[in-house]
Protein backbone atom coordinates (compact mmCIF):
# COMPACT_ATOMS: atom_id res chain seq x y z
CA UNK A 1 0.05 -0.06 -0.09
CA UNK A 2 1.54 3.30 -1.11
CA UNK A 3 2.03 6.07 1.33
CA UNK A 4 -0.20 9.33 1.01
CA UNK A 5 1.22 11.96 -1.23
CA UNK A 6 2.62 15.29 -0.14
CA UNK A 7 -0.49 17.13 -1.25
CA UNK A 8 -2.72 14.96 1.04
CA UNK A 9 -0.29 15.59 3.90
CA UNK A 10 -0.21 19.26 3.29
CA UNK A 11 -4.21 19.29 3.09
CA UNK A 12 -4.36 17.48 6.39
CA UNK A 13 -2.11 20.12 8.10
CA UNK A 14 -4.08 22.92 6.51
CA UNK A 15 -7.49 21.64 7.41
CA UNK A 16 -6.67 20.54 11.02
CA UNK A 17 -5.14 23.86 11.89
CA UNK A 18 -7.96 25.89 10.20
CA UNK A 19 -10.59 23.86 12.24
CA UNK A 20 -8.70 24.27 15.34
CA UNK A 21 -8.68 28.03 14.83
CA UNK A 22 -12.43 28.06 13.92
CA UNK A 23 -13.28 26.16 17.28
CA UNK A 24 -11.12 28.45 19.23
CA UNK A 25 -12.84 31.55 17.83
CA UNK A 26 -16.34 30.19 18.24
CA UNK A 27 -15.61 29.07 21.89
CA UNK A 28 -15.13 32.70 22.95
CA UNK A 29 -18.83 33.72 22.81
CA UNK A 30 -20.54 30.38 23.39
CA UNK A 31 -21.29 30.86 27.03
CA UNK A 32 -23.62 33.78 26.09
CA UNK A 33 -27.15 32.15 26.18
CA UNK A 34 -28.74 35.17 24.51
CA UNK A 35 -27.01 34.13 21.31
CA UNK A 36 -27.80 30.45 21.09
CA UNK A 37 -26.61 30.20 17.49
CA UNK A 38 -23.06 30.18 18.76
CA UNK A 39 -23.54 26.86 20.47
CA UNK A 40 -24.88 25.28 17.40
CA UNK A 41 -22.03 26.63 15.26
CA UNK A 42 -19.42 25.33 17.86
CA UNK A 43 -21.10 21.87 17.93
CA UNK A 44 -21.05 21.55 14.10
CA UNK A 45 -17.38 22.74 14.08
CA UNK A 46 -16.39 20.12 16.57
CA UNK A 47 -18.17 17.43 14.40
CA UNK A 48 -16.35 18.68 11.47
CA UNK A 49 -12.93 18.33 13.14
CA UNK A 50 -13.65 14.90 14.17
CA UNK A 51 -14.60 14.07 10.44
CA UNK A 52 -11.32 15.61 9.35
CA UNK A 53 -9.30 13.55 11.85
CA UNK A 54 -11.00 10.51 10.42
CA UNK A 55 -10.32 11.44 6.71
CA UNK A 56 -6.67 12.24 7.42
CA UNK A 57 -6.12 9.29 9.68
CA UNK A 58 -3.64 7.70 7.27
CA UNK A 59 -1.12 10.52 7.95
CA UNK A 60 -1.64 10.43 11.68
CA UNK A 61 -0.03 8.31 14.41
CA UNK A 62 -2.35 6.13 16.43
CA UNK A 63 -1.89 8.24 19.66
CA UNK A 64 -2.37 11.51 17.69
CA UNK A 65 -5.45 10.34 16.17
CA UNK A 66 -6.91 9.14 19.44
CA UNK A 67 -6.03 12.29 21.33
CA UNK A 68 -7.33 14.56 18.53
CA UNK A 69 -10.66 12.57 18.48
CA UNK A 70 -10.94 12.77 22.24
CA UNK A 71 -10.60 16.46 22.17
CA UNK A 72 -13.22 16.85 19.50
CA UNK A 73 -15.59 14.52 21.23
CA UNK A 74 -15.10 16.32 24.62
CA UNK A 75 -15.99 19.65 23.04
CA UNK A 76 -18.88 18.23 21.06
CA UNK A 77 -20.44 16.45 23.99
CA UNK A 78 -20.21 19.54 26.22
CA UNK A 79 -21.57 22.11 23.75
CA UNK A 80 -24.00 19.58 22.23
CA UNK A 81 -25.81 19.37 25.73
CA UNK A 82 -26.16 23.13 25.86
CA UNK A 83 -27.25 23.38 22.20
CA UNK A 84 -29.99 20.81 22.56
CA UNK A 85 -31.44 22.73 25.46
CA UNK A 86 -31.27 25.95 23.54
CA UNK A 87 -33.22 24.35 20.77
CA UNK A 88 -36.08 23.19 23.12
CA UNK A 89 -36.20 26.67 24.61
CA UNK A 90 -36.44 28.31 21.10
CA UNK A 91 -39.29 25.95 20.21
CA UNK A 92 -41.20 26.84 23.40
CA UNK A 93 -40.65 30.57 22.91
CA UNK A 94 -41.93 30.36 19.36
CA UNK A 95 -45.17 28.69 20.25
CA UNK A 96 -45.62 30.94 23.35
CA UNK A 97 -45.34 33.96 21.04
CA UNK A 98 -48.54 33.02 19.28
CA UNK A 99 -50.65 32.29 22.38
CA UNK A 100 -52.81 34.16 24.63
CA UNK A 101 -51.23 34.93 27.98
CA UNK A 102 -53.85 32.87 29.67
CA UNK A 103 -52.67 29.79 27.73
CA UNK A 104 -48.94 30.37 28.24
CA UNK A 105 -48.46 29.75 31.91
CA UNK A 106 -47.53 26.07 31.47
CA UNK A 107 -45.10 27.03 28.86
CA UNK A 108 -43.40 29.36 31.08
CA UNK A 109 -43.04 26.45 33.48
CA UNK A 110 -41.37 24.34 30.86
CA UNK A 111 -39.02 27.30 29.83
CA UNK A 112 -38.16 27.86 33.52
CA UNK A 113 -37.18 24.22 34.01
CA UNK A 114 -35.11 24.36 30.70
CA UNK A 115 -33.39 27.59 31.88
CA UNK A 116 -32.16 25.66 35.00
CA UNK A 117 -30.78 22.90 32.87
CA UNK A 118 -29.29 25.34 30.48
CA UNK A 119 -27.40 27.09 33.39
CA UNK A 120 -26.14 23.70 34.48
CA UNK A 121 -25.07 22.85 31.09
CA UNK A 122 -23.33 26.14 30.57
CA UNK A 123 -21.36 25.62 33.85
CA UNK A 124 -20.10 22.32 32.47
CA UNK A 125 -19.39 23.90 29.05
CA UNK A 126 -17.48 26.60 30.79
CA UNK A 127 -15.00 24.12 32.17
CA UNK A 128 -14.30 22.93 28.65
CA UNK A 129 -13.97 26.25 26.81
CA UNK A 130 -12.09 28.45 29.24
CA UNK A 131 -9.12 30.36 27.98
CA UNK A 132 -6.26 28.15 29.16
CA UNK A 133 -8.11 24.87 28.18
CA UNK A 134 -8.69 26.12 24.66
CA UNK A 135 -5.31 27.37 24.30
CA UNK A 136 -4.02 23.86 25.16
CA UNK A 137 -6.51 22.47 22.76
CA UNK A 138 -5.35 24.62 19.85
CA UNK A 139 -1.59 23.86 20.47
CA UNK A 140 -2.31 20.15 20.75
CA UNK A 141 -4.24 20.16 17.36
CA UNK A 142 -1.49 22.21 15.78
CA UNK A 143 1.02 19.89 16.91
CA UNK A 144 -0.98 17.03 15.33
CA UNK A 145 -1.23 19.12 12.14
CA UNK A 146 2.56 19.73 12.04
CA UNK A 147 3.23 15.98 12.50
CA UNK A 148 1.61 15.42 9.02
CA UNK A 149 4.06 17.14 6.97
CA UNK A 150 7.75 17.76 6.49
CA UNK A 151 7.51 21.13 4.73
CA UNK A 152 8.20 24.36 6.50
CA UNK A 153 5.51 26.66 8.08
CA UNK A 154 5.47 29.13 5.19
CA UNK A 155 4.50 26.38 2.74
CA UNK A 156 1.93 25.04 5.14
CA UNK A 157 0.29 28.47 5.53
CA UNK A 158 -0.49 28.77 1.88
CA UNK A 159 -4.09 28.62 0.71
CA UNK A 160 -5.77 25.29 1.02
CA UNK A 161 -5.02 23.05 -2.07
CA UNK A 162 -7.66 20.39 -2.78
CA UNK A 163 -6.70 16.76 -2.63
CA UNK A 164 -6.43 15.11 -6.02
CA UNK A 165 -5.49 11.60 -4.94
CA UNK A 166 -6.94 9.80 -2.12
CA UNK A 167 -5.23 6.94 -0.03
CA UNK A 168 -7.07 3.64 -0.27
CA UNK A 169 -8.11 4.06 3.57
CA UNK A 170 -10.10 7.20 2.68
CA UNK A 171 -12.01 5.38 -0.20
CA UNK A 172 -12.75 2.55 2.33
CA UNK A 173 -13.91 5.22 4.99
CA UNK A 174 -16.32 6.88 2.46
CA UNK A 175 -17.57 3.41 1.30
CA UNK A 176 -18.46 2.53 4.88
CA UNK A 177 -20.21 5.94 5.53
CA UNK A 178 -22.23 5.36 2.31
CA UNK A 179 -23.21 1.82 3.25
CA UNK A 180 -24.21 2.98 6.87
CA UNK A 181 -26.40 5.72 5.38
CA UNK A 182 -28.23 3.19 2.90
CA UNK A 183 -28.53 0.58 5.67
CA UNK A 184 -30.54 2.90 8.01
CA UNK A 185 -32.82 3.99 5.18
CA UNK A 186 -35.30 0.95 5.51
CA UNK A 187 -36.10 1.63 9.23
CA UNK A 188 -35.97 5.36 8.89
CA UNK A 189 -38.66 5.42 6.27
CA UNK A 190 -41.16 3.95 8.64
CA UNK A 191 -42.98 6.55 10.86
CA UNK A 192 -42.02 4.53 13.88
CA UNK A 193 -38.43 4.33 13.01
CA UNK A 194 -37.32 7.21 15.27
CA UNK A 195 -34.01 5.53 16.28
CA UNK A 196 -33.17 4.62 12.81
CA UNK A 197 -33.88 8.24 11.77
CA UNK A 198 -31.41 9.51 14.33
CA UNK A 199 -28.85 7.10 13.31
CA UNK A 200 -29.33 8.06 9.72
CA UNK A 201 -28.72 11.73 10.60
CA UNK A 202 -25.43 10.85 11.99
CA UNK A 203 -24.62 8.75 8.98
CA UNK A 204 -25.57 11.53 6.53
CA UNK A 205 -23.52 14.07 8.57
CA UNK A 206 -20.38 11.73 8.55
CA UNK A 207 -20.72 11.13 4.84
CA UNK A 208 -21.15 14.74 4.08
CA UNK A 209 -18.14 15.94 6.08
CA UNK A 210 -16.01 13.16 4.54
CA UNK A 211 -17.06 14.30 1.02
CA UNK A 212 -16.32 17.94 1.85
CA UNK A 213 -12.47 16.90 2.06
CA UNK A 214 -12.42 14.28 -0.63
CA UNK A 215 -15.02 15.32 -3.28
CA UNK A 216 -12.41 16.98 -5.61
CA UNK A 217 -10.71 13.63 -6.01
CA UNK A 218 -13.80 11.67 -6.69
CA UNK A 219 -15.46 14.06 -9.17
CA UNK A 220 -19.00 15.56 -9.78
CA UNK A 221 -20.77 12.46 -8.29
CA UNK A 222 -19.10 13.17 -4.99
CA UNK A 223 -20.18 16.76 -4.91
CA UNK A 224 -23.78 15.81 -5.81
CA UNK A 225 -23.70 13.32 -3.04
CA UNK A 226 -22.35 15.72 -0.63
CA UNK A 227 -25.16 18.24 -1.26
CA UNK A 228 -27.71 15.35 -0.93
CA UNK A 229 -26.09 14.22 2.33
CA UNK A 230 -26.46 17.77 3.61
CA UNK A 231 -30.16 17.82 2.67
CA UNK A 232 -30.79 14.57 4.68
CA UNK A 233 -28.77 15.83 7.57
CA UNK A 234 -30.71 19.09 7.86
CA UNK A 235 -34.26 17.57 7.67
CA UNK A 236 -33.37 14.66 9.95
CA UNK A 237 -31.67 17.14 12.29
CA UNK A 238 -34.88 19.17 12.41
CA UNK A 239 -36.86 16.09 13.21
CA UNK A 240 -34.40 15.30 16.11
CA UNK A 241 -34.98 18.91 17.40
CA UNK A 242 -38.78 18.21 17.59
CA UNK A 243 -38.13 14.98 19.53
CA UNK A 244 -35.89 16.86 22.01
CA UNK A 245 -38.57 19.50 22.77
CA UNK A 246 -41.39 17.09 23.73
CA UNK A 247 -39.96 15.52 26.93
CA UNK A 248 -39.64 19.04 28.64
CA UNK A 249 -43.34 19.64 27.82
CA UNK A 250 -44.38 16.25 29.26
CA UNK A 251 -42.30 16.83 32.44
CA UNK A 252 -43.93 20.13 33.04
CA UNK A 253 -47.45 18.67 32.47
CA UNK A 254 -46.53 15.95 35.06
CA UNK A 255 -45.39 18.49 37.57
CA UNK A 256 -48.60 20.55 37.05
CA UNK A 257 -50.72 17.44 37.48
CA UNK A 258 -48.91 16.49 40.67
CA UNK A 259 -49.54 19.90 42.18
CA UNK A 260 -53.26 19.73 41.20
CA UNK A 261 -53.66 16.35 42.71
CA UNK A 262 -52.18 17.34 46.05
CA UNK A 263 -54.43 20.50 45.99
CA UNK A 264 -57.57 18.58 45.24
CA UNK A 265 -56.79 15.96 47.89
CA UNK A 266 -56.07 18.59 50.52
CA UNK A 267 -59.48 20.36 49.74
CA UNK A 268 -61.39 17.04 49.97
CA UNK A 269 -59.62 15.73 52.90
CA UNK A 270 -62.61 15.80 55.27
CA UNK A 271 -64.98 14.00 52.80
CA UNK A 272 -65.56 10.37 52.46
CA UNK A 273 -65.05 10.43 48.75
CA UNK A 274 -63.66 12.97 46.43
CA UNK A 275 -66.31 15.25 44.95
CA UNK A 276 -65.54 15.66 41.17
CA UNK A 277 -66.56 19.25 41.45
CA UNK A 278 -63.14 19.97 43.21
CA UNK A 279 -61.37 19.57 39.69
CA UNK A 280 -62.85 22.99 39.00
CA UNK A 281 -60.58 24.34 41.82
CA UNK A 282 -57.40 22.85 40.29
CA UNK A 283 -55.02 25.87 40.40
CA UNK A 284 -53.16 24.78 37.19
CA UNK A 285 -56.24 23.97 35.10
CA UNK A 286 -55.61 26.73 32.63
CA UNK A 287 -51.95 25.85 32.23
CA UNK A 288 -52.28 22.62 30.50
CA UNK A 289 -53.59 24.07 27.20
CA UNK A 290 -50.36 25.79 26.16
CA UNK A 291 -48.22 22.70 26.85
CA UNK A 292 -50.58 20.36 25.08
CA UNK A 293 -50.79 22.60 22.10
CA UNK A 294 -46.92 22.82 22.02
CA UNK A 295 -46.69 19.02 21.99
CA UNK A 296 -49.33 18.98 19.16
CA UNK A 297 -47.36 21.73 17.17
CA UNK A 298 -44.13 19.64 17.58
CA UNK A 299 -45.81 16.42 16.47
CA UNK A 300 -47.41 18.08 13.44
CA UNK A 301 -44.18 19.78 12.39
CA UNK A 302 -42.23 16.52 12.89
CA UNK A 303 -44.68 14.81 10.61
CA UNK A 304 -44.37 17.32 7.92
CA UNK A 305 -40.55 17.10 8.09
CA UNK A 306 -40.82 13.27 7.96
CA UNK A 307 -42.86 13.43 4.76
CA UNK A 308 -40.31 15.84 3.41
CA UNK A 309 -37.51 13.36 4.33
CA UNK A 310 -39.27 10.50 2.52
CA UNK A 311 -39.64 12.49 -0.63
CA UNK A 312 -36.11 13.72 -0.56
CA UNK A 313 -34.69 10.12 -0.07
CA UNK A 314 -36.85 8.71 -2.77
CA UNK A 315 -35.89 11.50 -5.22
CA UNK A 316 -32.25 10.91 -4.50
CA UNK A 317 -32.63 7.30 -4.96
CA UNK A 318 -34.39 7.73 -8.42
CA UNK A 319 -31.65 10.11 -9.49
CA UNK A 320 -29.12 7.38 -8.76
CA UNK A 321 -27.10 9.70 -6.37
CA UNK A 322 -25.80 6.91 -4.10
CA UNK A 323 -25.21 4.49 -6.91
CA UNK A 324 -23.07 7.11 -8.76
CA UNK A 325 -21.04 7.67 -5.63
CA UNK A 326 -20.64 3.90 -5.06
CA UNK A 327 -19.30 3.50 -8.76
CA UNK A 328 -16.95 6.45 -8.45
CA UNK A 329 -15.48 4.84 -5.35
CA UNK A 330 -15.05 1.56 -7.20
CA UNK A 331 -13.26 3.28 -10.07
CA UNK A 332 -10.89 5.10 -7.75
CA UNK A 333 -10.02 1.82 -5.87
């Protein structure tokens, strides 16, 4: 098996350093919860760093690859937890803005709960993105980047040069990513296949990010497949975000129910049986409506996204997007 050429090594150094720089810059404003987009951007950047490490693994030592991947995973996990809470809060606030104040009390309960979780996740994230920790992260990724090449710093600082020849390991990696995506389709096309849909989102993401760095060597089929994978990633990601927002609503409903049960029992304590009229005195009886409508909104939006996903996948399949990529990989092998 031939060693990766110098251009592949140069690309590895350039990409890893660029992505480390991007993550460092994005981390500076990520703790500001009034700008939730920053958490999503940092989460995606950490995922793209991990994908780059996988693509350029042929020129990395085993320990360097493991260390780099651990760094990317650590950041991704911490910021991903904050990002998921941000998404749920945004969903509740969107529905609340369209409701009468009388129906919004339950939504406020859910948002308050989420704000507490957000603060906790932010404290954990702060331990990961504080200045010295991020400085150490950047230095380590730059060291890993330096190890991939033998040219000087000035040469490596030049503008990114697309990779034209891929090592066999990268072709194998992309083939595995493509196979995983197609394997998950069967379950994902069923309305009940929620877990499969989440796995397919990850598979689409990994395929997309792999093709970002290898598409120039594979031709137009790879660029078409990259755009198709991005479309799947986005619609499946939106479906996942709907799923993330339902449990906080259910939790708030349960809390309200328990409070009302305690109140009604207390007011009927001197009676032999509970008078049904006491339900009219349930203090939270007006708060359920907003939460239930939020769940309905999320369910309806998810169903619309699911139908869009099915149409998208069938259209891509009819166009032969994935067969063309598979053929391109075989030609390059």
